Amino acid sequence: MRIATFNVNGVNGRLDALLAWLKEREPDIVCLQELKAPQEKFPRLAIEAAGYGALWRGEKAYNGVAILARGSEPTPIRDRLPGDASDVRARYLEAAVAGVVIAAIYLPNGNPRPGPKFDYKLAWFDRLIRHAAALKKSGAPTVLAGDFNVVPTPRDIYATTSYDDDALVQPESRAAFARLLRQGWVDSLRTLHPDETVYTFWDYFRNRWARNAGLRIDHVLLSPSLAPRLIRAEVDREVRGRPKASDHAPVWIDLAIEGAAKTPLRRRPASA
C-alpha cells in the first residue's frame, strides 16, 4: 500500500501537475492540502477520471484538505478536528480506506508571531494531540499525513538565521510535535532516513529551490501497529522543480499491506 501527502498549493491551478504525478507514482491513498477552492470547485470529475475516489473539504481562497483513494471510495469518518466547535476552517479530514484510518492534516502556519495566529496554531496542535491519543487508543491502524507546518529539529532546515522568528521553528511548535511522537507515532521519513538531509518544502522567494534551501514540514506518521510494515519512505523532490510547481514536494511511503477490502469506486453524475 502506497500512501502519500502533497500540499498542492491550489488544486485547480496545479491540476495538470497533480494528475501527472498521480499517473507516475500511482499512490493508493493521497492526502492533499491547500486546495484553495470552495467545496463546489473541487475537480472531482478529473480526479475520478484518473481512477481515484475522493473526499474533500474546501474553503474559498485558503486551506482545504482532501483524501483520494485509487480505485475505491474513502469512507468518511469526520470532516473537522474535534475540540472547538467554533473552528470551521478546512484543515482536517478523516476517512477509512482499505482498513486503515487516514487523517489528512493541514496544521496552521502560525505567522506572524507572537499573536493570535501563533496562539491558534498551538491550540490546534493541542487538539490534534488529544485526538491522536484517542485514535491510538482505539487500536485501529492509523496514518496522520499532511503539512504540519513544523520543522521538527534543526537538521530539518537548511543552515540559516532567516527563519529564527518563524512559527515553524519555534520551541513551542517543536515541543508540540515531540509530544505527538511521544504517544508512539512513528515519523516515516526520519525512521528510514535517520542521517540524511531531507526537505519537503522550498519557498518561492530568494532562489531557495535552486539553492536547495529547504525545510521538512510535510510528515507521514504511523500508529505503532503500522510501523513494522513500513518498507519505504521518499520525497518526490523533482516534482518541485517542474514548471508552475507547488512549493511543496509529495512525500510517500510504502507499507507491506496487500489485499485489504476496499469500497468500490462509483462514477457519480456531474451534478452530484
C-alpha atoms as a PDB file:
ATOM      1  CA  MET A   1       0.000   0.000   0.000  1.00  0.00           C
ATOM      2  CA  ARG A   2       1.411   3.355  -1.050  1.00  0.00           C
ATOM      3  CA  ILE A   3       0.281   6.400   0.959  1.00  0.00           C
ATOM      4  CA  ALA A   4       1.241   9.960   0.065  1.00  0.00           C
ATOM      5  CA  THR A   5       0.783  13.523   1.209  1.00  0.00           C
ATOM      6  CA  PHE A   6       1.026  16.529  -1.096  1.00  0.00           C
ATOM      7  CA  ASN A   7       0.416  20.202  -0.388  1.00  0.00           C
ATOM      8  CA  VAL A   8      -0.681  21.190  -3.892  1.00  0.00           C
ATOM      9  CA  ASN A   9      -0.924  24.949  -3.222  1.00  0.00           C
ATOM     10  CA  GLY A  10      -4.055  25.306  -5.333  1.00  0.00           C
ATOM     11  CA  VAL A  11      -5.682  22.150  -6.672  1.00  0.00           C
ATOM     12  CA  ASN A  12      -7.230  23.727  -9.769  1.00  0.00           C
ATOM     13  CA  GLY A  13      -4.286  25.874 -10.754  1.00  0.00           C
ATOM     14  CA  ARG A  14      -1.942  22.879 -10.483  1.00  0.00           C
ATOM     15  CA  LEU A  15      -4.353  20.145 -11.546  1.00  0.00           C
ATOM     16  CA  ASP A  16      -2.301  19.026 -14.546  1.00  0.00           C
ATOM     17  CA  ALA A  17       0.770  18.645 -12.348  1.00  0.00           C
ATOM     18  CA  LEU A  18      -1.203  16.686  -9.766  1.00  0.00           C
ATOM     19  CA  LEU A  19      -2.679  14.340 -12.376  1.00  0.00           C
ATOM     20  CA  ALA A  20       0.727  13.780 -13.967  1.00  0.00           C
ATOM     21  CA  TRP A  21       2.207  12.864 -10.597  1.00  0.00           C
ATOM     22  CA  LEU A  22      -0.689  10.520  -9.762  1.00  0.00           C
ATOM     23  CA  LYS A  23      -0.102   8.693 -13.040  1.00  0.00           C
ATOM     24  CA  GLU A  24       3.637   8.420 -12.432  1.00  0.00           C
ATOM     25  CA  ARG A  25       3.660   7.389  -8.774  1.00  0.00           C
ATOM     26  CA  GLU A  26       0.333   5.514  -8.574  1.00  0.00           C
ATOM     27  CA  PRO A  27      -0.259   6.038  -4.845  1.00  0.00           C
ATOM     28  CA  ASP A  28      -3.127   4.080  -3.318  1.00  0.00           C
ATOM     29  CA  ILE A  29      -4.057   6.859  -0.905  1.00  0.00           C
ATOM     30  CA  VAL A  30      -3.250  10.572  -1.115  1.00  0.00           C
ATOM     31  CA  CYS A  31      -3.805  13.362   1.389  1.00  0.00           C
ATOM     32  CA  LEU A  32      -3.929  16.813  -0.216  1.00  0.00           C
ATOM     33  CA  GLN A  33      -3.615  20.183   1.468  1.00  0.00           C
ATOM     34  CA  GLU A  34      -4.106  23.806   0.449  1.00  0.00           C
ATOM     35  CA  LEU A  35      -6.828  23.100  -2.075  1.00  0.00           C
ATOM     36  CA  LYS A  36      -7.608  26.826  -2.163  1.00  0.00           C
ATOM     37  CA  ALA A  37     -11.019  26.062  -3.639  1.00  0.00           C
ATOM     38  CA  PRO A  38     -14.570  26.159  -2.297  1.00  0.00           C
ATOM     39  CA  GLN A  39     -16.371  22.839  -1.908  1.00  0.00           C
ATOM     40  CA  GLU A  40     -18.173  23.059  -5.252  1.00  0.00           C
ATOM     41  CA  LYS A  41     -14.981  23.850  -7.185  1.00  0.00           C
ATOM     42  CA  PHE A  42     -13.040  20.695  -6.315  1.00  0.00           C
ATOM     43  CA  PRO A  43     -12.105  18.950  -9.612  1.00  0.00           C
ATOM     44  CA  ARG A  44     -13.920  15.715  -8.790  1.00  0.00           C
ATOM     45  CA  LEU A  45     -14.518  14.618 -12.378  1.00  0.00           C
ATOM     46  CA  ALA A  46     -10.854  14.930 -13.323  1.00  0.00           C
ATOM     47  CA  ILE A  47      -9.795  13.071 -10.179  1.00  0.00           C
ATOM     48  CA  GLU A  48     -12.311  10.294 -10.857  1.00  0.00           C
ATOM     49  CA  ALA A  49     -11.172  10.067 -14.489  1.00  0.00           C
ATOM     50  CA  ALA A  50      -7.680   9.427 -13.117  1.00  0.00           C
ATOM     51  CA  GLY A  51      -9.092   6.475 -11.183  1.00  0.00           C
ATOM     52  CA  TYR A  52      -9.489   7.963  -7.724  1.00  0.00           C
ATOM     53  CA  GLY A  53     -12.419   8.334  -5.400  1.00  0.00           C
ATOM     54  CA  ALA A  54     -12.269  11.427  -3.242  1.00  0.00           C
ATOM     55  CA  LEU A  55     -13.467  13.111  -0.107  1.00  0.00           C
ATOM     56  CA  TRP A  56     -12.713  16.774   0.311  1.00  0.00           C
ATOM     57  CA  ARG A  57     -13.457  19.788   2.434  1.00  0.00           C
ATOM     58  CA  GLY A  58     -12.954  23.005   0.553  1.00  0.00           C
ATOM     59  CA  GLU A  59     -12.625  26.614   1.604  1.00  0.00           C
ATOM     60  CA  LYS A  60     -12.639  29.697  -0.582  1.00  0.00           C
ATOM     61  CA  ALA A  61      -9.172  31.134  -1.212  1.00  0.00           C
ATOM     62  CA  TYR A  62      -7.360  29.310   1.603  1.00  0.00           C
ATOM     63  CA  ASN A  63      -6.888  25.955   3.327  1.00  0.00           C
ATOM     64  CA  GLY A  64      -8.774  22.883   2.115  1.00  0.00           C
ATOM     65  CA  VAL A  65      -7.956  19.175   2.508  1.00  0.00           C
ATOM     66  CA  ALA A  66      -8.799  16.027   0.574  1.00  0.00           C
ATOM     67  CA  ILE A  67      -8.300  12.270   0.696  1.00  0.00           C
ATOM     68  CA  LEU A  68      -8.002  10.337  -2.565  1.00  0.00           C
ATOM     69  CA  ALA A  69      -8.210   6.549  -2.888  1.00  0.00           C
ATOM     70  CA  ARG A  70      -7.141   4.699  -6.025  1.00  0.00           C
ATOM     71  CA  GLY A  71      -9.942   2.563  -7.417  1.00  0.00           C
ATOM     72  CA  SER A  72     -12.158   2.992  -4.367  1.00  0.00           C
ATOM     73  CA  GLU A  73     -14.203   5.389  -2.283  1.00  0.00           C
ATOM     74  CA  PRO A  74     -12.843   6.650   1.051  1.00  0.00           C
ATOM     75  CA  THR A  75     -15.337   6.050   3.859  1.00  0.00           C
ATOM     76  CA  PRO A  76     -15.839   9.336   5.740  1.00  0.00           C
ATOM     77  CA  ILE A  77     -15.279   9.435   9.494  1.00  0.00           C
ATOM     78  CA  ARG A  78     -15.093  13.146  10.344  1.00  0.00           C
ATOM     79  CA  ASP A  79     -14.548  16.405   8.477  1.00  0.00           C
ATOM     80  CA  ARG A  80     -13.063  18.544  11.216  1.00  0.00           C
ATOM     81  CA  LEU A  81     -10.783  18.251  14.207  1.00  0.00           C
ATOM     82  CA  PRO A  82     -12.680  17.780  17.485  1.00  0.00           C
ATOM     83  CA  GLY A  83     -12.297  20.119  20.412  1.00  0.00           C
ATOM     84  CA  ASP A  84     -13.542  23.505  19.175  1.00  0.00           C
ATOM     85  CA  ALA A  85     -16.975  23.729  17.582  1.00  0.00           C
ATOM     86  CA  SER A  86     -16.328  27.327  16.542  1.00  0.00           C
ATOM     87  CA  ASP A  87     -13.386  26.384  14.327  1.00  0.00           C
ATOM     88  CA  VAL A  88     -14.846  25.853  10.850  1.00  0.00           C
ATOM     89  CA  ARG A  89     -11.637  26.140   8.835  1.00  0.00           C
ATOM     90  CA  ALA A  90     -10.945  23.310   6.390  1.00  0.00           C
ATOM     91  CA  ARG A  91      -7.832  21.817   7.937  1.00  0.00           C
ATOM     92  CA  TYR A  92      -8.689  18.239   8.901  1.00  0.00           C
ATOM     93  CA  LEU A  93     -10.340  15.272   7.214  1.00  0.00           C
ATOM     94  CA  GLU A  94     -10.528  11.675   8.397  1.00  0.00           C
ATOM     95  CA  ALA A  95     -11.589   8.580   6.494  1.00  0.00           C
ATOM     96  CA  ALA A  96     -11.154   4.826   6.315  1.00  0.00           C
ATOM     97  CA  VAL A  97      -9.540   3.296   3.246  1.00  0.00           C
ATOM     98  CA  ALA A  98      -8.819  -0.422   2.882  1.00  0.00           C
ATOM     99  CA  GLY A  99      -8.967  -0.965   6.629  1.00  0.00           C
ATOM    100  CA  VAL A 100      -6.674   1.935   7.521  1.00  0.00           C
ATOM    101  CA  VAL A 101      -7.744   5.190   9.187  1.00  0.00           C
ATOM    102  CA  ILE A 102      -6.321   8.147   7.264  1.00  0.00           C
ATOM    103  CA  ALA A 103      -6.143  11.653   8.707  1.00  0.00           C
ATOM    104  CA  ALA A 104      -5.353  14.466   6.269  1.00  0.00           C
ATOM    105  CA  ILE A 105      -3.847  17.373   8.190  1.00  0.00           C
ATOM    106  CA  TYR A 106      -3.111  20.991   7.349  1.00  0.00           C
ATOM    107  CA  LEU A 107      -1.851  22.481  10.573  1.00  0.00           C
ATOM    108  CA  PRO A 108      -1.944  26.283  10.907  1.00  0.00           C
ATOM    109  CA  ASN A 109       1.164  28.173   9.864  1.00  0.00           C
ATOM    110  CA  GLY A 110       1.132  30.439  12.924  1.00  0.00           C
ATOM    111  CA  ASN A 111       2.766  33.535  11.466  1.00  0.00           C
ATOM    112  CA  PRO A 112       3.205  36.254  12.416  1.00  0.00           C
ATOM    113  CA  ARG A 113       4.185  35.555  15.955  1.00  0.00           C
ATOM    114  CA  PRO A 114       3.649  36.417  18.690  1.00  0.00           C
ATOM    115  CA  GLY A 115      -0.024  36.991  18.238  1.00  0.00           C
ATOM    116  CA  PRO A 116      -3.398  35.342  17.665  1.00  0.00           C
ATOM    117  CA  LYS A 117      -2.248  33.278  14.671  1.00  0.00           C
ATOM    118  CA  PHE A 118       0.521  31.639  16.687  1.00  0.00           C
ATOM    119  CA  ASP A 119      -1.872  31.089  19.603  1.00  0.00           C
ATOM    120  CA  TYR A 120      -4.312  29.414  17.181  1.00  0.00           C
ATOM    121  CA  LYS A 121      -1.543  27.184  15.845  1.00  0.00           C
ATOM    122  CA  LEU A 122      -0.621  25.936  19.317  1.00  0.00           C
ATOM    123  CA  ALA A 123      -4.266  25.470  20.341  1.00  0.00           C
ATOM    124  CA  TRP A 124      -4.918  23.495  17.145  1.00  0.00           C
ATOM    125  CA  PHE A 125      -1.839  21.393  17.834  1.00  0.00           C
ATOM    126  CA  ASP A 126      -3.121  20.648  21.340  1.00  0.00           C
ATOM    127  CA  ARG A 127      -6.436  19.484  19.885  1.00  0.00           C
ATOM    128  CA  LEU A 128      -4.627  17.286  17.378  1.00  0.00           C
ATOM    129  CA  ILE A 129      -2.547  15.708  20.125  1.00  0.00           C
ATOM    130  CA  ARG A 130      -5.666  14.911  22.151  1.00  0.00           C
ATOM    131  CA  HIS A 131      -7.454  13.425  19.161  1.00  0.00           C
ATOM    132  CA  ALA A 132      -4.375  11.476  18.087  1.00  0.00           C
ATOM    133  CA  ALA A 133      -4.247   9.923  21.557  1.00  0.00           C
ATOM    134  CA  ALA A 134      -7.829   8.713  21.104  1.00  0.00           C
ATOM    135  CA  LEU A 135      -7.009   7.312  17.661  1.00  0.00           C
ATOM    136  CA  LYS A 136      -4.011   5.460  19.024  1.00  0.00           C
ATOM    137  CA  LYS A 137      -6.005   4.124  21.963  1.00  0.00           C
ATOM    138  CA  SER A 138      -8.597   2.720  19.553  1.00  0.00           C
ATOM    139  CA  GLY A 139      -6.018   0.316  18.199  1.00  0.00           C
ATOM    140  CA  ALA A 140      -7.027   0.985  14.592  1.00  0.00           C
ATOM    141  CA  PRO A 141      -4.127   1.143  12.111  1.00  0.00           C
ATOM    142  CA  THR A 142      -3.842   4.876  11.533  1.00  0.00           C
ATOM    143  CA  VAL A 143      -1.854   7.306   9.406  1.00  0.00           C
ATOM    144  CA  LEU A 144      -1.540  11.020  10.197  1.00  0.00           C
ATOM    145  CA  ALA A 145      -0.366  12.666   6.990  1.00  0.00           C
ATOM    146  CA  GLY A 146      -0.053  16.234   5.864  1.00  0.00           C
ATOM    147  CA  ASP A 147       1.571  19.616   6.131  1.00  0.00           C
ATOM    148  CA  PHE A 148       2.221  20.022   9.845  1.00  0.00           C
ATOM    149  CA  ASN A 149       3.899  23.423   9.418  1.00  0.00           C
ATOM    150  CA  VAL A 150       6.609  22.490  11.874  1.00  0.00           C
ATOM    151  CA  VAL A 151      10.309  21.832  11.332  1.00  0.00           C
ATOM    152  CA  PRO A 152      10.908  19.140  13.968  1.00  0.00           C
ATOM    153  CA  THR A 153      14.634  19.716  14.583  1.00  0.00           C
ATOM    154  CA  PRO A 154      17.443  21.997  13.357  1.00  0.00           C
ATOM    155  CA  ARG A 155      18.645  19.308  10.945  1.00  0.00           C
ATOM    156  CA  ASP A 156      15.287  19.550   9.123  1.00  0.00           C
ATOM    157  CA  ILE A 157      16.085  23.027   7.793  1.00  0.00           C
ATOM    158  CA  TYR A 158      18.978  24.438   5.784  1.00  0.00           C
ATOM    159  CA  ALA A 159      21.633  26.447   7.594  1.00  0.00           C
ATOM    160  CA  THR A 160      20.083  29.876   8.044  1.00  0.00           C
ATOM    161  CA  THR A 161      19.054  32.534  10.525  1.00  0.00           C
ATOM    162  CA  SER A 162      16.262  33.862   8.281  1.00  0.00           C
ATOM    163  CA  TYR A 163      13.665  31.595   9.933  1.00  0.00           C
ATOM    164  CA  ASP A 164      14.677  32.315  13.525  1.00  0.00           C
ATOM    165  CA  ASP A 165      11.457  34.239  14.227  1.00  0.00           C
ATOM    166  CA  ASP A 166       9.224  31.981  12.139  1.00  0.00           C
ATOM    167  CA  ALA A 167       6.450  29.972  13.803  1.00  0.00           C
ATOM    168  CA  LEU A 168       7.619  26.785  12.062  1.00  0.00           C
ATOM    169  CA  VAL A 169      10.817  26.516  14.105  1.00  0.00           C
ATOM    170  CA  GLN A 170       9.782  27.908  17.484  1.00  0.00           C
ATOM    171  CA  PRO A 171      10.430  25.814  20.604  1.00  0.00           C
ATOM    172  CA  GLU A 172       6.690  25.628  21.299  1.00  0.00           C
ATOM    173  CA  SER A 173       5.973  24.235  17.818  1.00  0.00           C
ATOM    174  CA  ARG A 174       8.765  21.683  18.054  1.00  0.00           C
ATOM    175  CA  ALA A 175       7.732  20.688  21.561  1.00  0.00           C
ATOM    176  CA  ALA A 176       4.168  20.024  20.363  1.00  0.00           C
ATOM    177  CA  PHE A 177       5.419  17.800  17.538  1.00  0.00           C
ATOM    178  CA  ALA A 178       7.654  15.953  20.004  1.00  0.00           C
ATOM    179  CA  ARG A 179       4.675  15.425  22.326  1.00  0.00           C
ATOM    180  CA  LEU A 180       2.779  13.868  19.436  1.00  0.00           C
ATOM    181  CA  LEU A 181       5.630  11.486  18.675  1.00  0.00           C
ATOM    182  CA  ARG A 182       5.927  10.515  22.328  1.00  0.00           C
ATOM    183  CA  GLN A 183       2.453   9.000  22.105  1.00  0.00           C
ATOM    184  CA  GLY A 184       4.071   6.352  19.911  1.00  0.00           C
ATOM    185  CA  TRP A 185       3.591   7.766  16.409  1.00  0.00           C
ATOM    186  CA  VAL A 186       6.429   6.944  14.019  1.00  0.00           C
ATOM    187  CA  ASP A 187       7.947   9.588  11.717  1.00  0.00           C
ATOM    188  CA  SER A 188       8.255   7.571   8.498  1.00  0.00           C
ATOM    189  CA  LEU A 189      10.814   9.666   6.644  1.00  0.00           C
ATOM    190  CA  ARG A 190      13.143  10.116   9.571  1.00  0.00           C
ATOM    191  CA  THR A 191      12.861   6.457  10.560  1.00  0.00           C
ATOM    192  CA  LEU A 192      14.120   5.229   7.186  1.00  0.00           C
ATOM    193  CA  HIS A 193      16.450   8.164   6.550  1.00  0.00           C
ATOM    194  CA  PRO A 194      17.886   8.799  10.015  1.00  0.00           C
ATOM    195  CA  ASP A 195      21.007  10.666   8.943  1.00  0.00           C
ATOM    196  CA  GLU A 196      20.054  12.188   5.601  1.00  0.00           C
ATOM    197  CA  THR A 197      19.202  15.769   4.757  1.00  0.00           C
ATOM    198  CA  VAL A 198      15.574  15.542   3.651  1.00  0.00           C
ATOM    199  CA  TYR A 199      13.439  18.536   2.673  1.00  0.00           C
ATOM    200  CA  THR A 200       9.809  18.696   1.520  1.00  0.00           C
ATOM    201  CA  PHE A 201       9.307  22.465   1.059  1.00  0.00           C
ATOM    202  CA  TRP A 202      11.270  25.170  -0.730  1.00  0.00           C
ATOM    203  CA  ASP A 203       9.909  28.719  -0.623  1.00  0.00           C
ATOM    204  CA  TYR A 204       9.435  30.564  -3.922  1.00  0.00           C
ATOM    205  CA  PHE A 205      11.459  33.518  -2.674  1.00  0.00           C
ATOM    206  CA  ARG A 206      15.211  34.183  -2.513  1.00  0.00           C
ATOM    207  CA  ASN A 207      16.063  31.454  -5.036  1.00  0.00           C
ATOM    208  CA  ARG A 208      15.579  28.816  -2.344  1.00  0.00           C
ATOM    209  CA  TRP A 209      14.755  25.959  -4.706  1.00  0.00           C
ATOM    210  CA  ALA A 210      17.886  26.453  -6.800  1.00  0.00           C
ATOM    211  CA  ARG A 211      19.974  26.734  -3.626  1.00  0.00           C
ATOM    212  CA  ASN A 212      18.306  23.675  -2.055  1.00  0.00           C
ATOM    213  CA  ALA A 213      17.386  25.900   0.863  1.00  0.00           C
ATOM    214  CA  GLY A 214      14.591  23.685   2.103  1.00  0.00           C
ATOM    215  CA  LEU A 215      12.583  22.639   5.136  1.00  0.00           C
ATOM    216  CA  ARG A 216      10.981  19.366   6.186  1.00  0.00           C
ATOM    217  CA  ILE A 217       7.422  20.216   7.224  1.00  0.00           C
ATOM    218  CA  ASP A 218       5.344  17.536   5.469  1.00  0.00           C
ATOM    219  CA  HIS A 219       5.108  14.359   7.520  1.00  0.00           C
ATOM    220  CA  VAL A 220       3.597  10.881   7.411  1.00  0.00           C
ATOM    221  CA  LEU A 221       3.175   9.490  10.925  1.00  0.00           C
ATOM    222  CA  LEU A 222       2.234   5.884  11.616  1.00  0.00           C
ATOM    223  CA  SER A 223       0.476   4.312  14.567  1.00  0.00           C
ATOM    224  CA  PRO A 224       2.564   1.656  16.376  1.00  0.00           C
ATOM    225  CA  SER A 225       0.632  -1.191  14.741  1.00  0.00           C
ATOM    226  CA  LEU A 226       1.582   0.057  11.267  1.00  0.00           C
ATOM    227  CA  ALA A 227       5.203   0.949  11.946  1.00  0.00           C
ATOM    228  CA  PRO A 228       6.562  -2.624  11.483  1.00  0.00           C
ATOM    229  CA  ARG A 229       5.010  -2.644   7.991  1.00  0.00           C
ATOM    230  CA  LEU A 230       6.945   0.419   6.806  1.00  0.00           C
ATOM    231  CA  ILE A 231       9.250  -0.582   3.953  1.00  0.00           C
ATOM    232  CA  ARG A 232       9.935   2.675   2.091  1.00  0.00           C
ATOM    233  CA  ALA A 233       9.620   6.444   2.580  1.00  0.00           C
ATOM    234  CA  GLU A 234      10.590   9.001  -0.061  1.00  0.00           C
ATOM    235  CA  VAL A 235      10.184  12.582  -1.274  1.00  0.00           C
ATOM    236  CA  ASP A 236       9.482  13.154  -4.977  1.00  0.00           C
ATOM    237  CA  ARG A 237      11.837  16.100  -4.969  1.00  0.00           C
ATOM    238  CA  GLU A 238      11.894  16.506  -8.752  1.00  0.00           C
ATOM    239  CA  VAL A 239       8.201  17.468  -8.752  1.00  0.00           C
ATOM    240  CA  ARG A 240       9.129  20.734  -7.019  1.00  0.00           C
ATOM    241  CA  GLY A 241      11.404  21.635  -9.913  1.00  0.00           C
ATOM    242  CA  ARG A 242       8.773  21.375 -12.637  1.00  0.00           C
ATOM    243  CA  PRO A 243       7.065  24.382 -14.270  1.00  0.00           C
ATOM    244  CA  LYS A 244       4.338  26.009 -12.184  1.00  0.00           C
ATOM    245  CA  ALA A 245       5.103  23.671  -9.291  1.00  0.00           C
ATOM    246  CA  SER A 246       3.792  23.825  -5.762  1.00  0.00           C
ATOM    247  CA  ASP A 247       6.364  24.969  -3.231  1.00  0.00           C
ATOM    248  CA  HIS A 248       5.995  21.520  -1.626  1.00  0.00           C
ATOM    249  CA  ALA A 249       7.069  18.131  -2.981  1.00  0.00           C
ATOM    250  CA  PRO A 250       4.996  14.966  -2.496  1.00  0.00           C
ATOM    251  CA  VAL A 251       6.004  12.639   0.325  1.00  0.00           C
ATOM    252  CA  TRP A 252       5.087   8.959   0.105  1.00  0.00           C
ATOM    253  CA  ILE A 253       5.559   5.709   1.935  1.00  0.00           C
ATOM    254  CA  ASP A 254       5.082   2.028   1.156  1.00  0.00           C
ATOM    255  CA  LEU A 255       3.507  -0.299   3.703  1.00  0.00           C
ATOM    256  CA  ALA A 256       3.567  -4.080   3.484  1.00  0.00           C
ATOM    257  CA  ILE A 257      -0.220  -4.365   3.260  1.00  0.00           C
ATOM    258  CA  GLU A 258      -1.968  -6.206   0.453  1.00  0.00           C
ATOM    259  CA  GLY A 259      -5.435  -7.449  -0.325  1.00  0.00           C
ATOM    260  CA  ALA A 260      -7.359  -5.201   2.076  1.00  0.00           C
ATOM    261  CA  ALA A 261     -11.045  -4.742   1.299  1.00  0.00           C
ATOM    262  CA  LYS A 262     -11.999  -1.517  -0.482  1.00  0.00           C
ATOM    263  CA  THR A 263     -15.242   0.305  -1.172  1.00  0.00           C
ATOM    264  CA  PRO A 264     -15.568   0.175  -4.983  1.00  0.00           C
ATOM    265  CA  LEU A 265     -15.258   3.429  -6.879  1.00  0.00           C
ATOM    266  CA  ARG A 266     -18.638   4.647  -8.151  1.00  0.00           C
ATOM    267  CA  ARG A 267     -18.780   7.085 -11.045  1.00  0.00           C
ATOM    268  CA  ARG A 268     -21.119   9.804  -9.890  1.00  0.00           C
ATOM    269  CA  PRO A 269     -23.012  12.110 -12.261  1.00  0.00           C
ATOM    270  CA  ALA A 270     -21.525  15.535 -12.894  1.00  0.00           C
ATOM    271  CA  SER A 271     -24.349  17.147 -10.923  1.00  0.00           C
ATOM    272  CA  ALA A 272     -23.600  15.135  -7.746  1.00  0.00           C
END
